[in-house]
Amino acid sequence: MPDVAVPAERPAVLHYAEHGQGTPVVLVHGAGGSGATSWGSLPEHLASHHRVLLVDNPGSGGSALPEGPLQLDTLADSIALTAAQAGLERYAVVGYSMGSAIAVRHAVRHPGEVTALALLTGFARPDTRLRLALHNWQQLMDAEPALLGRYLLQLSCGPAALDQLDTADLDRLARETAAALPPGTRQHIDLALRIDVRAELRELSVPTLVIAAANDILVTPDHSAALAQGITGARLTQVMSGHDAPTEQPMAVSNHLRSLLNG
């Protein structure tokens, strides 16, 4: 796929990778991530029973960064175009972090394609605490990379995961975390700060699972509770991890997702 800028208002087929065979599920990552870096070993767990599409949001992985601000409607429609390009007619969608809002908007705009919806450590609208964390992240983009990386590790990793690391591991992971941020990270954060899909939650009628992370200090579990409360019939569960739930608890997340996808 050519790496060229596309107009911000025009949906586009995004870069994606595939794993496995079976009923299809599309994974939509959040700010500062990509299909390859956001999900840990979760795709491999799901691929034993499902065809898994890992989509790169604009400015991540192999997807071009458009000119101008990212728009939630455009991303939602781009997910639909990408799924169609992959030959999918009906599929489940899993949104992680900011990807949950993209998944909600996609399900509202393309209800005929979505068979089930899973929202993992997501939010409908950033509260003051999350906005502060996002603004700090944005400002630290110009700071020394190790400082930025340590800040992101503190926000994303649960205490059990951090306690397994010594000082050398933390320093190495901090540098790797900062280096792995995609070119579109600033635009992702700008979009996250503008997101508000609260009114759309009541429009959803698709089977929905909301997964909170008990030790998440970036997108705290009350955001997941609000998502579940706003969606008729949604089921709320949680895993013992920080915000980086797919990496810290891939088996637990996979088991929860299978209960939805096979239900």
C-alpha atoms as a PDB file:
ATOM      1  CA  MET A   1       0.000   0.000   0.000  1.00  0.00           C
ATOM      2  CA  PRO A   2       1.576   3.339  -1.006  1.00  0.00           C
ATOM      3  CA  ASP A   3       2.739   5.561   1.838  1.00  0.00           C
ATOM      4  CA  VAL A   4       1.058   8.757   0.680  1.00  0.00           C
ATOM      5  CA  ALA A   5      -0.988  11.341   2.536  1.00  0.00           C
ATOM      6  CA  VAL A   6      -4.746  11.143   2.086  1.00  0.00           C
ATOM      7  CA  PRO A   7      -7.279  13.883   2.850  1.00  0.00           C
ATOM      8  CA  ALA A   8      -8.454  13.792   6.453  1.00  0.00           C
ATOM      9  CA  GLU A   9     -12.119  13.799   5.444  1.00  0.00           C
ATOM     10  CA  ARG A  10     -11.839  10.793   3.115  1.00  0.00           C
ATOM     11  CA  PRO A  11     -12.015   7.223   4.495  1.00  0.00           C
ATOM     12  CA  ALA A  12      -9.250   4.938   3.263  1.00  0.00           C
ATOM     13  CA  VAL A  13      -8.328   1.275   3.323  1.00  0.00           C
ATOM     14  CA  LEU A  14      -5.901   0.900   6.212  1.00  0.00           C
ATOM     15  CA  HIS A  15      -2.946  -1.428   6.460  1.00  0.00           C
ATOM     16  CA  TYR A  16      -3.768  -4.670   8.261  1.00  0.00           C
ATOM     17  CA  ALA A  17      -2.296  -8.053   9.128  1.00  0.00           C
ATOM     18  CA  GLU A  18      -4.138 -11.357   9.439  1.00  0.00           C
ATOM     19  CA  HIS A  19      -3.916 -14.377  11.717  1.00  0.00           C
ATOM     20  CA  GLY A  20      -5.878 -17.624  11.787  1.00  0.00           C
ATOM     21  CA  GLN A  21      -9.096 -18.876  10.253  1.00  0.00           C
ATOM     22  CA  GLY A  22     -12.695 -18.988  11.375  1.00  0.00           C
ATOM     23  CA  THR A  23     -15.306 -16.413  12.298  1.00  0.00           C
ATOM     24  CA  PRO A  24     -13.780 -12.962  11.741  1.00  0.00           C
ATOM     25  CA  VAL A  25     -12.818 -10.424  14.387  1.00  0.00           C
ATOM     26  CA  VAL A  26     -11.263  -7.011  13.764  1.00  0.00           C
ATOM     27  CA  LEU A  27      -8.879  -5.549  16.372  1.00  0.00           C
ATOM     28  CA  VAL A  28      -8.708  -1.733  16.616  1.00  0.00           C
ATOM     29  CA  HIS A  29      -5.865  -0.281  18.711  1.00  0.00           C
ATOM     30  CA  GLY A  30      -5.611   3.007  20.569  1.00  0.00           C
ATOM     31  CA  ALA A  31      -3.390   6.087  20.686  1.00  0.00           C
ATOM     32  CA  GLY A  32       0.324   5.656  20.228  1.00  0.00           C
ATOM     33  CA  GLY A  33       0.086   2.021  19.176  1.00  0.00           C
ATOM     34  CA  SER A  34      -0.222  -0.151  16.090  1.00  0.00           C
ATOM     35  CA  GLY A  35      -1.578  -3.538  15.181  1.00  0.00           C
ATOM     36  CA  ALA A  36       1.837  -5.068  15.789  1.00  0.00           C
ATOM     37  CA  THR A  37       2.640  -3.359  19.118  1.00  0.00           C
ATOM     38  CA  SER A  38      -0.693  -3.077  20.939  1.00  0.00           C
ATOM     39  CA  TRP A  39      -1.979  -6.609  21.337  1.00  0.00           C
ATOM     40  CA  GLY A  40       0.816  -8.762  22.746  1.00  0.00           C
ATOM     41  CA  SER A  41       0.088 -12.450  22.152  1.00  0.00           C
ATOM     42  CA  LEU A  42      -3.700 -11.960  22.134  1.00  0.00           C
ATOM     43  CA  PRO A  43      -4.025 -12.374  18.319  1.00  0.00           C
ATOM     44  CA  GLU A  44      -2.298 -15.748  18.495  1.00  0.00           C
ATOM     45  CA  HIS A  45      -4.690 -16.903  21.226  1.00  0.00           C
ATOM     46  CA  LEU A  46      -7.707 -15.791  19.194  1.00  0.00           C
ATOM     47  CA  ALA A  47      -6.351 -17.170  15.911  1.00  0.00           C
ATOM     48  CA  SER A  48      -6.872 -20.764  17.024  1.00  0.00           C
ATOM     49  CA  HIS A  49     -10.607 -20.294  16.388  1.00  0.00           C
ATOM     50  CA  HIS A  50     -10.983 -16.998  14.515  1.00  0.00           C
ATOM     51  CA  ARG A  51      -9.750 -15.051  11.529  1.00  0.00           C
ATOM     52  CA  VAL A  52      -8.143 -12.027  13.180  1.00  0.00           C
ATOM     53  CA  LEU A  53      -7.514  -8.695  11.415  1.00  0.00           C
ATOM     54  CA  LEU A  54      -5.116  -6.315  13.153  1.00  0.00           C
ATOM     55  CA  VAL A  55      -5.741  -2.859  11.714  1.00  0.00           C
ATOM     56  CA  ASP A  56      -3.185  -0.027  11.803  1.00  0.00           C
ATOM     57  CA  ASN A  57      -4.879   3.287  12.517  1.00  0.00           C
ATOM     58  CA  PRO A  58      -3.700   6.258  10.381  1.00  0.00           C
ATOM     59  CA  GLY A  59      -0.137   7.215  11.229  1.00  0.00           C
ATOM     60  CA  SER A  60       0.617   3.777  12.697  1.00  0.00           C
ATOM     61  CA  GLY A  61       2.327   0.730  11.254  1.00  0.00           C
ATOM     62  CA  GLY A  62       1.769   0.639   7.511  1.00  0.00           C
ATOM     63  CA  SER A  63      -1.112   3.154   7.392  1.00  0.00           C
ATOM     64  CA  ALA A  64      -0.381   6.620   6.039  1.00  0.00           C
ATOM     65  CA  LEU A  65      -0.917   9.703   8.183  1.00  0.00           C
ATOM     66  CA  PRO A  66      -3.458  12.004   6.511  1.00  0.00           C
ATOM     67  CA  GLU A  67      -3.182  15.765   6.350  1.00  0.00           C
ATOM     68  CA  GLY A  68      -5.105  17.591   9.047  1.00  0.00           C
ATOM     69  CA  PRO A  69      -6.711  16.328  12.266  1.00  0.00           C
ATOM     70  CA  LEU A  70      -7.974  12.777  12.505  1.00  0.00           C
ATOM     71  CA  GLN A  71     -11.774  12.467  12.554  1.00  0.00           C
ATOM     72  CA  LEU A  72     -13.643   9.718  14.373  1.00  0.00           C
ATOM     73  CA  ASP A  73     -16.215   9.280  11.588  1.00  0.00           C
ATOM     74  CA  THR A  74     -13.427   8.871   9.049  1.00  0.00           C
ATOM     75  CA  LEU A  75     -11.679   6.240  11.157  1.00  0.00           C
ATOM     76  CA  ALA A  76     -14.937   4.375  11.700  1.00  0.00           C
ATOM     77  CA  ASP A  77     -15.641   4.323   7.966  1.00  0.00           C
ATOM     78  CA  SER A  78     -12.045   3.348   7.220  1.00  0.00           C
ATOM     79  CA  ILE A  79     -12.463   0.262   9.420  1.00  0.00           C
ATOM     80  CA  ALA A  80     -15.475  -0.708   7.293  1.00  0.00           C
ATOM     81  CA  LEU A  81     -13.533  -0.178   4.047  1.00  0.00           C
ATOM     82  CA  THR A  82     -10.627  -2.200   5.383  1.00  0.00           C
ATOM     83  CA  ALA A  83     -12.842  -5.088   6.450  1.00  0.00           C
ATOM     84  CA  ALA A  84     -14.510  -5.077   3.024  1.00  0.00           C
ATOM     85  CA  GLN A  85     -11.084  -5.069   1.342  1.00  0.00           C
ATOM     86  CA  ALA A  86     -10.246  -8.174   3.369  1.00  0.00           C
ATOM     87  CA  GLY A  87     -13.444  -9.837   2.143  1.00  0.00           C
ATOM     88  CA  LEU A  88     -15.360  -9.581   5.420  1.00  0.00           C
ATOM     89  CA  GLU A  89     -19.100  -9.012   5.335  1.00  0.00           C
ATOM     90  CA  ARG A  90     -19.967  -9.601   9.011  1.00  0.00           C
ATOM     91  CA  TYR A  91     -17.461  -9.497  11.853  1.00  0.00           C
ATOM     92  CA  ALA A  92     -16.912  -8.768  15.512  1.00  0.00           C
ATOM     93  CA  VAL A  93     -14.934  -5.696  16.537  1.00  0.00           C
ATOM     94  CA  VAL A  94     -12.609  -5.393  19.533  1.00  0.00           C
ATOM     95  CA  GLY A  95     -11.586  -1.855  20.462  1.00  0.00           C
ATOM     96  CA  TYR A  96      -8.698  -1.266  22.856  1.00  0.00           C
ATOM     97  CA  SER A  97      -8.339   2.024  24.770  1.00  0.00           C
ATOM     98  CA  MET A  98      -9.141   4.847  22.284  1.00  0.00           C
ATOM     99  CA  GLY A  99      -9.969   2.071  19.819  1.00  0.00           C
ATOM    100  CA  SER A 100     -13.086   1.415  21.883  1.00  0.00           C
ATOM    101  CA  ALA A 101     -14.544   4.768  20.847  1.00  0.00           C
ATOM    102  CA  ILE A 102     -13.619   4.043  17.231  1.00  0.00           C
ATOM    103  CA  ALA A 103     -15.363   0.667  17.573  1.00  0.00           C
ATOM    104  CA  VAL A 104     -18.491   2.268  19.039  1.00  0.00           C
ATOM    105  CA  ARG A 105     -18.692   4.850  16.246  1.00  0.00           C
ATOM    106  CA  HIS A 106     -18.076   2.098  13.666  1.00  0.00           C
ATOM    107  CA  ALA A 107     -20.864  -0.068  15.099  1.00  0.00           C
ATOM    108  CA  VAL A 108     -23.288   2.883  15.039  1.00  0.00           C
ATOM    109  CA  ARG A 109     -22.402   3.876  11.470  1.00  0.00           C
ATOM    110  CA  HIS A 110     -22.178   0.301  10.125  1.00  0.00           C
ATOM    111  CA  PRO A 111     -24.612  -1.767  12.205  1.00  0.00           C
ATOM    112  CA  GLY A 112     -25.198  -4.317   9.471  1.00  0.00           C
ATOM    113  CA  GLU A 113     -21.595  -5.469   9.514  1.00  0.00           C
ATOM    114  CA  VAL A 114     -20.975  -5.819  13.257  1.00  0.00           C
ATOM    115  CA  THR A 115     -21.907  -9.121  14.928  1.00  0.00           C
ATOM    116  CA  ALA A 116     -20.456  -8.364  18.368  1.00  0.00           C
ATOM    117  CA  LEU A 117     -18.551  -5.615  20.124  1.00  0.00           C
ATOM    118  CA  ALA A 118     -15.845  -5.811  22.805  1.00  0.00           C
ATOM    119  CA  LEU A 119     -14.499  -2.689  24.500  1.00  0.00           C
ATOM    120  CA  LEU A 120     -11.206  -3.268  26.319  1.00  0.00           C
ATOM    121  CA  THR A 121      -9.996  -0.640  28.833  1.00  0.00           C
ATOM    122  CA  GLY A 122     -11.924   1.947  26.837  1.00  0.00           C
ATOM    123  CA  PHE A 123     -13.671   5.253  27.385  1.00  0.00           C
ATOM    124  CA  ALA A 124     -16.611   7.146  25.912  1.00  0.00           C
ATOM    125  CA  ARG A 125     -15.162  10.539  26.797  1.00  0.00           C
ATOM    126  CA  PRO A 126     -11.943  11.484  28.595  1.00  0.00           C
ATOM    127  CA  ASP A 127     -12.518  12.790  32.107  1.00  0.00           C
ATOM    128  CA  THR A 128     -10.276  15.412  33.695  1.00  0.00           C
ATOM    129  CA  ARG A 129      -7.773  12.865  34.955  1.00  0.00           C
ATOM    130  CA  LEU A 130      -7.399  11.190  31.567  1.00  0.00           C
ATOM    131  CA  ARG A 131      -7.191  14.553  29.812  1.00  0.00           C
ATOM    132  CA  LEU A 132      -4.360  15.533  32.144  1.00  0.00           C
ATOM    133  CA  ALA A 133      -2.504  12.296  31.377  1.00  0.00           C
ATOM    134  CA  LEU A 134      -2.951  12.823  27.633  1.00  0.00           C
ATOM    135  CA  HIS A 135      -1.793  16.439  27.770  1.00  0.00           C
ATOM    136  CA  ASN A 136       1.278  15.407  29.781  1.00  0.00           C
ATOM    137  CA  TRP A 137       2.023  12.664  27.255  1.00  0.00           C
ATOM    138  CA  GLN A 138       1.762  15.151  24.409  1.00  0.00           C
ATOM    139  CA  GLN A 139       4.115  17.621  26.088  1.00  0.00           C
ATOM    140  CA  LEU A 140       6.629  14.889  26.917  1.00  0.00           C
ATOM    141  CA  MET A 141       6.852  13.983  23.222  1.00  0.00           C
ATOM    142  CA  ASP A 142       9.488  16.731  23.026  1.00  0.00           C
ATOM    143  CA  ALA A 143      11.316  15.535  26.146  1.00  0.00           C
ATOM    144  CA  GLU A 144      14.224  13.135  26.497  1.00  0.00           C
ATOM    145  CA  PRO A 145      12.982   9.748  25.171  1.00  0.00           C
ATOM    146  CA  ALA A 146      13.795   7.792  28.325  1.00  0.00           C
ATOM    147  CA  LEU A 147      11.662  10.211  30.398  1.00  0.00           C
ATOM    148  CA  LEU A 148       8.751   9.828  27.987  1.00  0.00           C
ATOM    149  CA  GLY A 149       9.157   6.052  28.041  1.00  0.00           C
ATOM    150  CA  ARG A 150       9.193   5.888  31.836  1.00  0.00           C
ATOM    151  CA  TYR A 151       6.050   8.013  31.983  1.00  0.00           C
ATOM    152  CA  LEU A 152       4.268   5.689  29.573  1.00  0.00           C
ATOM    153  CA  LEU A 153       5.405   2.578  31.433  1.00  0.00           C
ATOM    154  CA  GLN A 154       4.057   4.030  34.655  1.00  0.00           C
ATOM    155  CA  LEU A 155       0.695   4.713  33.002  1.00  0.00           C
ATOM    156  CA  SER A 156       0.330   1.489  31.055  1.00  0.00           C
ATOM    157  CA  CYS A 157       1.834  -1.292  33.188  1.00  0.00           C
ATOM    158  CA  GLY A 158       0.190  -2.854  36.195  1.00  0.00           C
ATOM    159  CA  PRO A 159       2.086  -3.174  39.485  1.00  0.00           C
ATOM    160  CA  ALA A 160       2.645  -6.918  39.083  1.00  0.00           C
ATOM    161  CA  ALA A 161       4.241  -6.404  35.667  1.00  0.00           C
ATOM    162  CA  LEU A 162       6.460  -3.563  36.891  1.00  0.00           C
ATOM    163  CA  ASP A 163       7.568  -5.480  39.976  1.00  0.00           C
ATOM    164  CA  GLN A 164       9.145  -8.125  37.731  1.00  0.00           C
ATOM    165  CA  LEU A 165      11.550  -5.558  36.239  1.00  0.00           C
ATOM    166  CA  ASP A 166      14.833  -4.347  37.663  1.00  0.00           C
ATOM    167  CA  THR A 167      16.309  -0.904  36.989  1.00  0.00           C
ATOM    168  CA  ALA A 168      18.144  -2.028  33.847  1.00  0.00           C
ATOM    169  CA  ASP A 169      14.962  -3.615  32.463  1.00  0.00           C
ATOM    170  CA  LEU A 170      12.963  -0.464  33.180  1.00  0.00           C
ATOM    171  CA  ASP A 171      15.528   1.753  31.457  1.00  0.00           C
ATOM    172  CA  ARG A 172      15.657  -0.539  28.417  1.00  0.00           C
ATOM    173  CA  LEU A 173      11.875  -0.799  28.148  1.00  0.00           C
ATOM    174  CA  ALA A 174      11.496   2.957  28.580  1.00  0.00           C
ATOM    175  CA  ARG A 175      13.795   3.589  25.613  1.00  0.00           C
ATOM    176  CA  GLU A 176      12.057   0.909  23.528  1.00  0.00           C
ATOM    177  CA  THR A 177       8.616   2.264  24.400  1.00  0.00           C
ATOM    178  CA  ALA A 178       9.503   5.801  23.336  1.00  0.00           C
ATOM    179  CA  ALA A 179      11.211   4.581  20.157  1.00  0.00           C
ATOM    180  CA  ALA A 180       8.192   2.477  19.168  1.00  0.00           C
ATOM    181  CA  LEU A 181       5.704   5.363  19.201  1.00  0.00           C
ATOM    182  CA  PRO A 182       4.307   5.786  15.679  1.00  0.00           C
ATOM    183  CA  PRO A 183       4.467   9.035  13.651  1.00  0.00           C
ATOM    184  CA  GLY A 184       0.782   9.692  14.210  1.00  0.00           C
ATOM    185  CA  THR A 185       0.936   9.692  18.017  1.00  0.00           C
ATOM    186  CA  ARG A 186       0.331  13.446  18.388  1.00  0.00           C
ATOM    187  CA  GLN A 187      -2.687  13.239  16.091  1.00  0.00           C
ATOM    188  CA  HIS A 188      -3.960  10.182  18.010  1.00  0.00           C
ATOM    189  CA  ILE A 189      -3.773  12.126  21.282  1.00  0.00           C
ATOM    190  CA  ASP A 190      -5.514  15.129  19.709  1.00  0.00           C
ATOM    191  CA  LEU A 191      -8.340  12.830  18.644  1.00  0.00           C
ATOM    192  CA  ALA A 192      -8.568  11.155  22.048  1.00  0.00           C
ATOM    193  CA  LEU A 193      -8.971  14.553  23.694  1.00  0.00           C
ATOM    194  CA  ARG A 194     -11.930  15.353  21.392  1.00  0.00           C
ATOM    195  CA  ILE A 195     -13.771  12.028  21.707  1.00  0.00           C
ATOM    196  CA  ASP A 196     -17.301  11.892  23.070  1.00  0.00           C
ATOM    197  CA  VAL A 197     -19.470   8.912  22.093  1.00  0.00           C
ATOM    198  CA  ARG A 198     -21.658   8.902  25.218  1.00  0.00           C
ATOM    199  CA  ALA A 199     -24.855   9.673  23.325  1.00  0.00           C
ATOM    200  CA  GLU A 200     -24.193   6.854  20.861  1.00  0.00           C
ATOM    201  CA  LEU A 201     -23.997   4.123  23.481  1.00  0.00           C
ATOM    202  CA  ARG A 202     -27.777   3.869  23.717  1.00  0.00           C
ATOM    203  CA  GLU A 203     -27.962   3.312  19.943  1.00  0.00           C
ATOM    204  CA  LEU A 204     -26.043   0.036  20.153  1.00  0.00           C
ATOM    205  CA  SER A 205     -28.064  -3.174  19.998  1.00  0.00           C
ATOM    206  CA  VAL A 206     -25.251  -5.604  19.205  1.00  0.00           C
ATOM    207  CA  PRO A 207     -24.005  -8.077  21.882  1.00  0.00           C
ATOM    208  CA  THR A 208     -21.364  -6.134  23.818  1.00  0.00           C
ATOM    209  CA  LEU A 209     -18.687  -7.089  26.319  1.00  0.00           C
ATOM    210  CA  VAL A 210     -16.840  -4.408  28.294  1.00  0.00           C
ATOM    211  CA  ILE A 211     -13.516  -5.428  29.864  1.00  0.00           C
ATOM    212  CA  ALA A 212     -11.950  -3.246  32.546  1.00  0.00           C
ATOM    213  CA  ALA A 213      -8.415  -3.569  33.903  1.00  0.00           C
ATOM    214  CA  ALA A 214      -8.498  -3.570  37.684  1.00  0.00           C
ATOM    215  CA  ASN A 215      -5.143  -1.779  38.085  1.00  0.00           C
ATOM    216  CA  ASP A 216      -5.478   0.637  35.169  1.00  0.00           C
ATOM    217  CA  ILE A 217      -4.395   4.145  36.203  1.00  0.00           C
ATOM    218  CA  LEU A 218      -4.600   5.606  32.682  1.00  0.00           C
ATOM    219  CA  VAL A 219      -8.166   4.682  31.723  1.00  0.00           C
ATOM    220  CA  THR A 220      -9.543   3.820  35.132  1.00  0.00           C
ATOM    221  CA  PRO A 221     -12.184   1.079  35.539  1.00  0.00           C
ATOM    222  CA  ASP A 222     -14.973   3.608  36.093  1.00  0.00           C
ATOM    223  CA  HIS A 223     -14.747   4.414  32.371  1.00  0.00           C
ATOM    224  CA  SER A 224     -15.584   0.786  31.572  1.00  0.00           C
ATOM    225  CA  ALA A 225     -18.430   0.853  34.077  1.00  0.00           C
ATOM    226  CA  ALA A 226     -19.859   3.919  32.337  1.00  0.00           C
ATOM    227  CA  LEU A 227     -19.590   2.219  28.941  1.00  0.00           C
ATOM    228  CA  ALA A 228     -21.401  -0.876  30.196  1.00  0.00           C
ATOM    229  CA  GLN A 229     -24.081   1.184  31.921  1.00  0.00           C
ATOM    230  CA  GLY A 230     -24.743   3.143  28.744  1.00  0.00           C
ATOM    231  CA  ILE A 231     -25.114   0.134  26.429  1.00  0.00           C
ATOM    232  CA  THR A 232     -28.301  -1.884  26.761  1.00  0.00           C
ATOM    233  CA  GLY A 233     -27.530  -5.480  27.681  1.00  0.00           C
ATOM    234  CA  ALA A 234     -23.756  -4.984  27.853  1.00  0.00           C
ATOM    235  CA  ARG A 235     -21.805  -7.304  30.147  1.00  0.00           C
ATOM    236  CA  LEU A 236     -18.989  -5.903  32.289  1.00  0.00           C
ATOM    237  CA  THR A 237     -16.012  -7.945  33.454  1.00  0.00           C
ATOM    238  CA  GLN A 238     -12.421  -7.228  34.445  1.00  0.00           C
ATOM    239  CA  VAL A 239      -8.913  -8.628  34.329  1.00  0.00           C
ATOM    240  CA  MET A 240      -6.117  -8.141  36.856  1.00  0.00           C
ATOM    241  CA  SER A 241      -3.734  -5.913  34.930  1.00  0.00           C
ATOM    242  CA  GLY A 242      -2.775  -2.372  34.131  1.00  0.00           C
ATOM    243  CA  HIS A 243      -3.872  -0.585  30.973  1.00  0.00           C
ATOM    244  CA  ASP A 244      -1.683  -2.905  28.891  1.00  0.00           C
ATOM    245  CA  ALA A 245      -4.155  -5.745  29.404  1.00  0.00           C
ATOM    246  CA  PRO A 246      -3.567  -7.585  26.086  1.00  0.00           C
ATOM    247  CA  THR A 247       0.116  -7.979  26.930  1.00  0.00           C
ATOM    248  CA  GLU A 248      -0.217  -8.608  30.671  1.00  0.00           C
ATOM    249  CA  GLN A 249      -3.242 -10.908  30.586  1.00  0.00           C
ATOM    250  CA  PRO A 250      -3.644 -12.262  27.026  1.00  0.00           C
ATOM    251  CA  MET A 251      -5.156 -15.586  28.098  1.00  0.00           C
ATOM    252  CA  ALA A 252      -7.700 -13.992  30.433  1.00  0.00           C
ATOM    253  CA  VAL A 253      -8.691 -11.409  27.801  1.00  0.00           C
ATOM    254  CA  SER A 254      -8.894 -14.129  25.148  1.00  0.00           C
ATOM    255  CA  ASN A 255     -11.150 -16.268  27.328  1.00  0.00           C
ATOM    256  CA  HIS A 256     -13.501 -13.361  27.916  1.00  0.00           C
ATOM    257  CA  LEU A 257     -13.573 -12.549  24.203  1.00  0.00           C
ATOM    258  CA  ARG A 258     -14.284 -16.144  23.261  1.00  0.00           C
ATOM    259  CA  SER A 259     -17.282 -16.175  25.583  1.00  0.00           C
ATOM    260  CA  LEU A 260     -18.640 -13.264  23.559  1.00  0.00           C
ATOM    261  CA  LEU A 261     -17.613 -14.466  20.110  1.00  0.00           C
ATOM    262  CA  ASN A 262     -18.868 -18.013  20.643  1.00  0.00           C
ATOM    263  CA  GLY A 263     -22.022 -16.974  22.476  1.00  0.00           C
END
